[in-house]
Amino acid sequence: MLNGEQIGGKRRSSFYYDLWNIKYMSKFKWDDLTEEIANKEAIRKQKLIMELSLAKQERDFYLSREENSRAQEAIQERLQKKQQTRESKKLDAGISVDTEK
C-alpha cells in the first residue's frame, strides 16, 4: 500500500522526498483508539480528584490540630491567670492579717 512509498507532490514541495510510514493493523478500529484515549483521560481525572481530596484531608487535619493546640494554649493561660490571682489573694490576705496583729 503506502508504507515506504514516496509522499510525492511537486518536486519543490518540502515533503516530496519524505516517505509514508503506515502499517496496516488488522482488526483495529478507530473507535478502539479514541476509547483508549478517553479511558486514559478519565483515569487522569480520577487521579487528580483523589490527589485533591487527599490534600484537602491533610489541610483539614492540620487546621483542626492547630485549632486544638490554640484552644489548649488558651486554657493553660486561663488556668495560670487563675492560679496567679489566687496566689496574689492569698498573699494579700496573709499580709493584711499580719499587719492587723
N, C-alpha and C. Protein backbone atom coordinates (compact mmCIF):
# COMPACT_ATOMS: atom_id res chain seq x y z
N MET A 1 0.84 -1.19 0.00
CA MET A 1 0.00 0.00 0.00
C MET A 1 0.89 1.25 0.00
N LEU A 2 0.81 2.03 1.09
CA LEU A 2 1.54 3.29 1.13
C LEU A 2 2.86 3.19 1.89
N ASN A 3 3.05 2.15 2.69
CA ASN A 3 4.23 2.08 3.53
C ASN A 3 5.51 2.03 2.68
N GLY A 4 6.40 2.96 2.93
CA GLY A 4 7.66 3.01 2.19
C GLY A 4 7.57 3.75 0.87
N GLU A 5 6.41 4.19 0.48
CA GLU A 5 6.23 4.93 -0.78
C GLU A 5 6.60 6.40 -0.56
N GLN A 6 7.01 7.03 -1.64
CA GLN A 6 7.33 8.44 -1.58
C GLN A 6 6.03 9.24 -1.52
N ILE A 7 6.02 10.28 -0.64
CA ILE A 7 4.81 11.08 -0.50
C ILE A 7 4.46 11.74 -1.82
N GLY A 8 5.45 12.28 -2.48
CA GLY A 8 5.22 12.82 -3.81
C GLY A 8 4.79 14.27 -3.78
N GLY A 9 4.01 14.64 -4.75
CA GLY A 9 3.65 16.02 -4.92
C GLY A 9 4.62 16.68 -5.87
N LYS A 10 4.68 17.99 -5.88
CA LYS A 10 5.60 18.70 -6.74
C LYS A 10 7.02 18.55 -6.20
N ARG A 11 7.99 18.64 -7.08
CA ARG A 11 9.38 18.46 -6.67
C ARG A 11 9.82 19.55 -5.70
N ARG A 12 9.25 20.71 -5.78
CA ARG A 12 9.64 21.80 -4.89
C ARG A 12 8.99 21.70 -3.51
N SER A 13 8.08 20.78 -3.36
CA SER A 13 7.41 20.59 -2.07
C SER A 13 8.41 20.08 -1.04
N SER A 14 8.27 20.56 0.19
CA SER A 14 9.19 20.12 1.24
C SER A 14 8.96 18.66 1.63
N PHE A 15 7.84 18.10 1.23
CA PHE A 15 7.52 16.71 1.57
C PHE A 15 7.78 15.74 0.42
N TYR A 16 8.33 16.22 -0.68
CA TYR A 16 8.48 15.40 -1.89
C TYR A 16 9.31 14.14 -1.62
N TYR A 17 10.41 14.27 -0.90
CA TYR A 17 11.32 13.15 -0.68
C TYR A 17 10.99 12.36 0.59
N ASP A 18 10.01 12.77 1.32
CA ASP A 18 9.62 12.03 2.52
C ASP A 18 8.87 10.77 2.14
N LEU A 19 8.91 9.78 3.04
CA LEU A 19 8.26 8.50 2.78
C LEU A 19 7.10 8.30 3.74
N TRP A 20 6.08 7.62 3.25
CA TRP A 20 4.96 7.24 4.11
C TRP A 20 5.46 6.17 5.07
N ASN A 21 4.98 6.22 6.32
CA ASN A 21 5.32 5.20 7.30
C ASN A 21 4.01 4.73 7.92
N ILE A 22 3.30 3.92 7.17
CA ILE A 22 1.98 3.48 7.59
C ILE A 22 1.97 1.97 7.66
N LYS A 23 1.41 1.44 8.74
CA LYS A 23 1.32 -0.01 8.88
C LYS A 23 -0.15 -0.38 9.02
N TYR A 24 -0.56 -1.39 8.30
CA TYR A 24 -1.93 -1.86 8.39
C TYR A 24 -2.06 -2.74 9.62
N MET A 25 -3.05 -2.43 10.41
CA MET A 25 -3.29 -3.21 11.63
C MET A 25 -4.64 -3.89 11.47
N SER A 26 -4.61 -5.21 11.35
CA SER A 26 -5.86 -5.93 11.15
C SER A 26 -6.69 -5.90 12.42
N LYS A 27 -7.97 -5.90 12.26
CA LYS A 27 -8.95 -5.90 13.35
C LYS A 27 -8.82 -4.68 14.26
N PHE A 28 -8.22 -3.63 13.76
CA PHE A 28 -8.09 -2.40 14.55
C PHE A 28 -9.13 -1.41 14.05
N LYS A 29 -9.85 -0.84 14.99
CA LYS A 29 -10.88 0.14 14.66
C LYS A 29 -10.47 1.49 15.24
N TRP A 30 -10.89 2.54 14.60
CA TRP A 30 -10.59 3.88 15.07
C TRP A 30 -11.24 4.12 16.43
N ASP A 31 -12.39 3.50 16.64
CA ASP A 31 -13.08 3.63 17.93
C ASP A 31 -12.23 3.08 19.07
N ASP A 32 -11.43 2.03 18.78
CA ASP A 32 -10.54 1.48 19.81
C ASP A 32 -9.55 2.54 20.28
N LEU A 33 -9.00 3.27 19.35
CA LEU A 33 -8.03 4.31 19.68
C LEU A 33 -8.68 5.44 20.48
N THR A 34 -9.82 5.91 20.02
CA THR A 34 -10.49 7.00 20.73
C THR A 34 -10.97 6.55 22.11
N GLU A 35 -11.39 5.29 22.22
CA GLU A 35 -11.82 4.76 23.51
C GLU A 35 -10.65 4.70 24.49
N GLU A 36 -9.49 4.28 24.01
CA GLU A 36 -8.31 4.22 24.86
C GLU A 36 -7.90 5.61 25.34
N ILE A 37 -7.96 6.58 24.45
CA ILE A 37 -7.63 7.96 24.82
C ILE A 37 -8.61 8.47 25.87
N ALA A 38 -9.89 8.18 25.68
CA ALA A 38 -10.91 8.62 26.65
C ALA A 38 -10.70 7.95 28.00
N ASN A 39 -10.34 6.66 27.99
CA ASN A 39 -10.08 5.96 29.25
C ASN A 39 -8.89 6.55 29.99
N LYS A 40 -7.82 6.84 29.26
CA LYS A 40 -6.64 7.44 29.88
C LYS A 40 -6.98 8.80 30.49
N GLU A 41 -7.77 9.57 29.79
CA GLU A 41 -8.18 10.89 30.29
C GLU A 41 -9.03 10.75 31.55
N ALA A 42 -9.94 9.77 31.56
CA ALA A 42 -10.78 9.54 32.74
C ALA A 42 -9.94 9.11 33.93
N ILE A 43 -8.96 8.25 33.70
CA ILE A 43 -8.07 7.81 34.78
C ILE A 43 -7.27 8.99 35.31
N ARG A 44 -6.79 9.84 34.41
CA ARG A 44 -6.02 11.01 34.84
C ARG A 44 -6.87 11.93 35.71
N LYS A 45 -8.13 12.13 35.30
CA LYS A 45 -9.03 12.98 36.08
C LYS A 45 -9.31 12.38 37.45
N GLN A 46 -9.50 11.05 37.51
CA GLN A 46 -9.74 10.39 38.79
C GLN A 46 -8.54 10.54 39.72
N LYS A 47 -7.34 10.38 39.17
CA LYS A 47 -6.13 10.54 39.99
C LYS A 47 -6.03 11.96 40.52
N LEU A 48 -6.35 12.92 39.67
CA LEU A 48 -6.29 14.32 40.08
C LEU A 48 -7.30 14.60 41.20
N ILE A 49 -8.50 14.06 41.06
CA ILE A 49 -9.53 14.24 42.09
C ILE A 49 -9.08 13.61 43.40
N MET A 50 -8.48 12.41 43.32
CA MET A 50 -8.01 11.74 44.53
C MET A 50 -6.89 12.53 45.20
N GLU A 51 -5.97 13.07 44.41
CA GLU A 51 -4.89 13.87 44.97
C GLU A 51 -5.44 15.12 45.65
N LEU A 52 -6.41 15.76 45.02
CA LEU A 52 -7.00 16.96 45.61
C LEU A 52 -7.73 16.63 46.90
N SER A 53 -8.47 15.53 46.92
CA SER A 53 -9.20 15.17 48.14
C SER A 53 -8.22 14.81 49.26
N LEU A 54 -7.12 14.16 48.92
CA LEU A 54 -6.11 13.83 49.93
C LEU A 54 -5.48 15.11 50.47
N ALA A 55 -5.19 16.06 49.60
CA ALA A 55 -4.61 17.33 50.04
C ALA A 55 -5.59 18.08 50.94
N LYS A 56 -6.88 18.04 50.61
CA LYS A 56 -7.88 18.69 51.45
C LYS A 56 -7.97 18.03 52.81
N GLN A 57 -7.90 16.69 52.84
CA GLN A 57 -7.93 15.99 54.12
C GLN A 57 -6.74 16.36 54.98
N GLU A 58 -5.56 16.42 54.37
CA GLU A 58 -4.36 16.81 55.11
C GLU A 58 -4.49 18.23 55.64
N ARG A 59 -5.01 19.12 54.80
CA ARG A 59 -5.19 20.51 55.22
C ARG A 59 -6.16 20.60 56.39
N ASP A 60 -7.29 19.91 56.28
CA ASP A 60 -8.29 19.94 57.35
C ASP A 60 -7.73 19.35 58.64
N PHE A 61 -6.97 18.27 58.53
CA PHE A 61 -6.36 17.66 59.71
C PHE A 61 -5.39 18.63 60.37
N TYR A 62 -4.55 19.27 59.57
CA TYR A 62 -3.59 20.24 60.11
C TYR A 62 -4.31 21.40 60.79
N LEU A 63 -5.35 21.93 60.13
CA LEU A 63 -6.07 23.06 60.71
C LEU A 63 -6.78 22.67 62.00
N SER A 64 -7.34 21.47 62.05
CA SER A 64 -8.01 21.04 63.28
C SER A 64 -7.00 20.87 64.41
N ARG A 65 -5.83 20.31 64.11
CA ARG A 65 -4.79 20.16 65.13
C ARG A 65 -4.31 21.53 65.62
N GLU A 66 -4.16 22.45 64.69
CA GLU A 66 -3.73 23.80 65.06
C GLU A 66 -4.78 24.47 65.94
N GLU A 67 -6.04 24.31 65.59
CA GLU A 67 -7.12 24.89 66.37
C GLU A 67 -7.14 24.29 67.78
N ASN A 68 -6.97 22.98 67.86
CA ASN A 68 -6.93 22.32 69.17
C ASN A 68 -5.76 22.81 70.01
N SER A 69 -4.60 22.98 69.38
CA SER A 69 -3.44 23.45 70.14
C SER A 69 -3.66 24.88 70.63
N ARG A 70 -4.28 25.71 69.81
CA ARG A 70 -4.57 27.08 70.26
C ARG A 70 -5.56 27.07 71.42
N ALA A 71 -6.55 26.19 71.34
CA ALA A 71 -7.52 26.09 72.43
C ALA A 71 -6.82 25.63 73.71
N GLN A 72 -5.93 24.65 73.59
CA GLN A 72 -5.21 24.16 74.77
C GLN A 72 -4.32 25.26 75.36
N GLU A 73 -3.68 26.04 74.51
CA GLU A 73 -2.86 27.15 74.99
C GLU A 73 -3.72 28.18 75.73
N ALA A 74 -4.89 28.47 75.20
CA ALA A 74 -5.78 29.43 75.85
C ALA A 74 -6.23 28.90 77.20
N ILE A 75 -6.53 27.62 77.27
CA ILE A 75 -6.94 27.01 78.55
C ILE A 75 -5.80 27.11 79.55
N GLN A 76 -4.59 26.80 79.11
CA GLN A 76 -3.43 26.88 80.01
C GLN A 76 -3.21 28.31 80.50
N GLU A 77 -3.36 29.28 79.62
CA GLU A 77 -3.20 30.68 80.02
C GLU A 77 -4.25 31.07 81.06
N ARG A 78 -5.50 30.66 80.85
CA ARG A 78 -6.56 30.98 81.81
C ARG A 78 -6.27 30.33 83.16
N LEU A 79 -5.83 29.09 83.14
CA LEU A 79 -5.51 28.41 84.40
C LEU A 79 -4.36 29.11 85.13
N GLN A 80 -3.36 29.53 84.39
CA GLN A 80 -2.24 30.24 85.01
C GLN A 80 -2.69 31.57 85.60
N LYS A 81 -3.56 32.28 84.89
CA LYS A 81 -4.07 33.55 85.42
C LYS A 81 -4.87 33.32 86.69
N LYS A 82 -5.71 32.29 86.70
CA LYS A 82 -6.49 31.98 87.90
C LYS A 82 -5.57 31.63 89.06
N GLN A 83 -4.56 30.85 88.76
CA GLN A 83 -3.62 30.45 89.81
C GLN A 83 -2.87 31.67 90.35
N GLN A 84 -2.48 32.57 89.48
CA GLN A 84 -1.78 33.77 89.91
C GLN A 84 -2.69 34.66 90.75
N THR A 85 -3.95 34.79 90.35
CA THR A 85 -4.86 35.62 91.14
C THR A 85 -5.12 34.99 92.50
N ARG A 86 -5.23 33.68 92.57
CA ARG A 86 -5.42 33.01 93.86
C ARG A 86 -4.21 33.22 94.76
N GLU A 87 -3.02 33.09 94.17
CA GLU A 87 -1.81 33.29 94.95
C GLU A 87 -1.71 34.73 95.44
N SER A 88 -2.05 35.67 94.56
CA SER A 88 -1.98 37.08 94.97
C SER A 88 -3.02 37.38 96.05
N LYS A 89 -4.20 36.74 95.98
CA LYS A 89 -5.21 36.94 97.02
C LYS A 89 -4.74 36.35 98.33
N LYS A 90 -4.09 35.19 98.27
CA LYS A 90 -3.58 34.57 99.49
C LYS A 90 -2.50 35.45 100.11
N LEU A 91 -1.64 36.01 99.27
CA LEU A 91 -0.58 36.88 99.78
C LEU A 91 -1.18 38.14 100.38
N ASP A 92 -2.17 38.72 99.69
CA ASP A 92 -2.82 39.93 100.21
C ASP A 92 -3.51 39.63 101.53
N ALA A 93 -4.19 38.51 101.60
CA ALA A 93 -4.88 38.14 102.84
C ALA A 93 -3.86 37.88 103.93
N GLY A 94 -2.76 37.25 103.61
CA GLY A 94 -1.72 36.98 104.59
C GLY A 94 -1.06 38.26 105.07
N ILE A 95 -0.83 39.18 104.21
CA ILE A 95 -0.20 40.45 104.57
C ILE A 95 -1.15 41.28 105.42
N SER A 96 -2.41 41.32 105.04
CA SER A 96 -3.35 42.13 105.80
C SER A 96 -3.57 41.52 107.18
N VAL A 97 -3.54 40.22 107.30
CA VAL A 97 -3.69 39.58 108.60
C VAL A 97 -2.47 39.88 109.45
N ASP A 98 -1.29 39.88 108.86
CA ASP A 98 -0.07 40.15 109.61
C ASP A 98 -0.04 41.60 110.08
N THR A 99 -0.50 42.54 109.30
CA THR A 99 -0.46 43.95 109.68
C THR A 99 -1.48 44.26 110.75
N GLU A 100 -2.58 43.52 110.81
CA GLU A 100 -3.60 43.78 111.80
C GLU A 100 -3.16 43.28 113.17
N LYS A 101 -2.30 42.37 113.26
CA LYS A 101 -1.87 41.81 114.55
C LYS A 101 -1.08 42.76 115.34
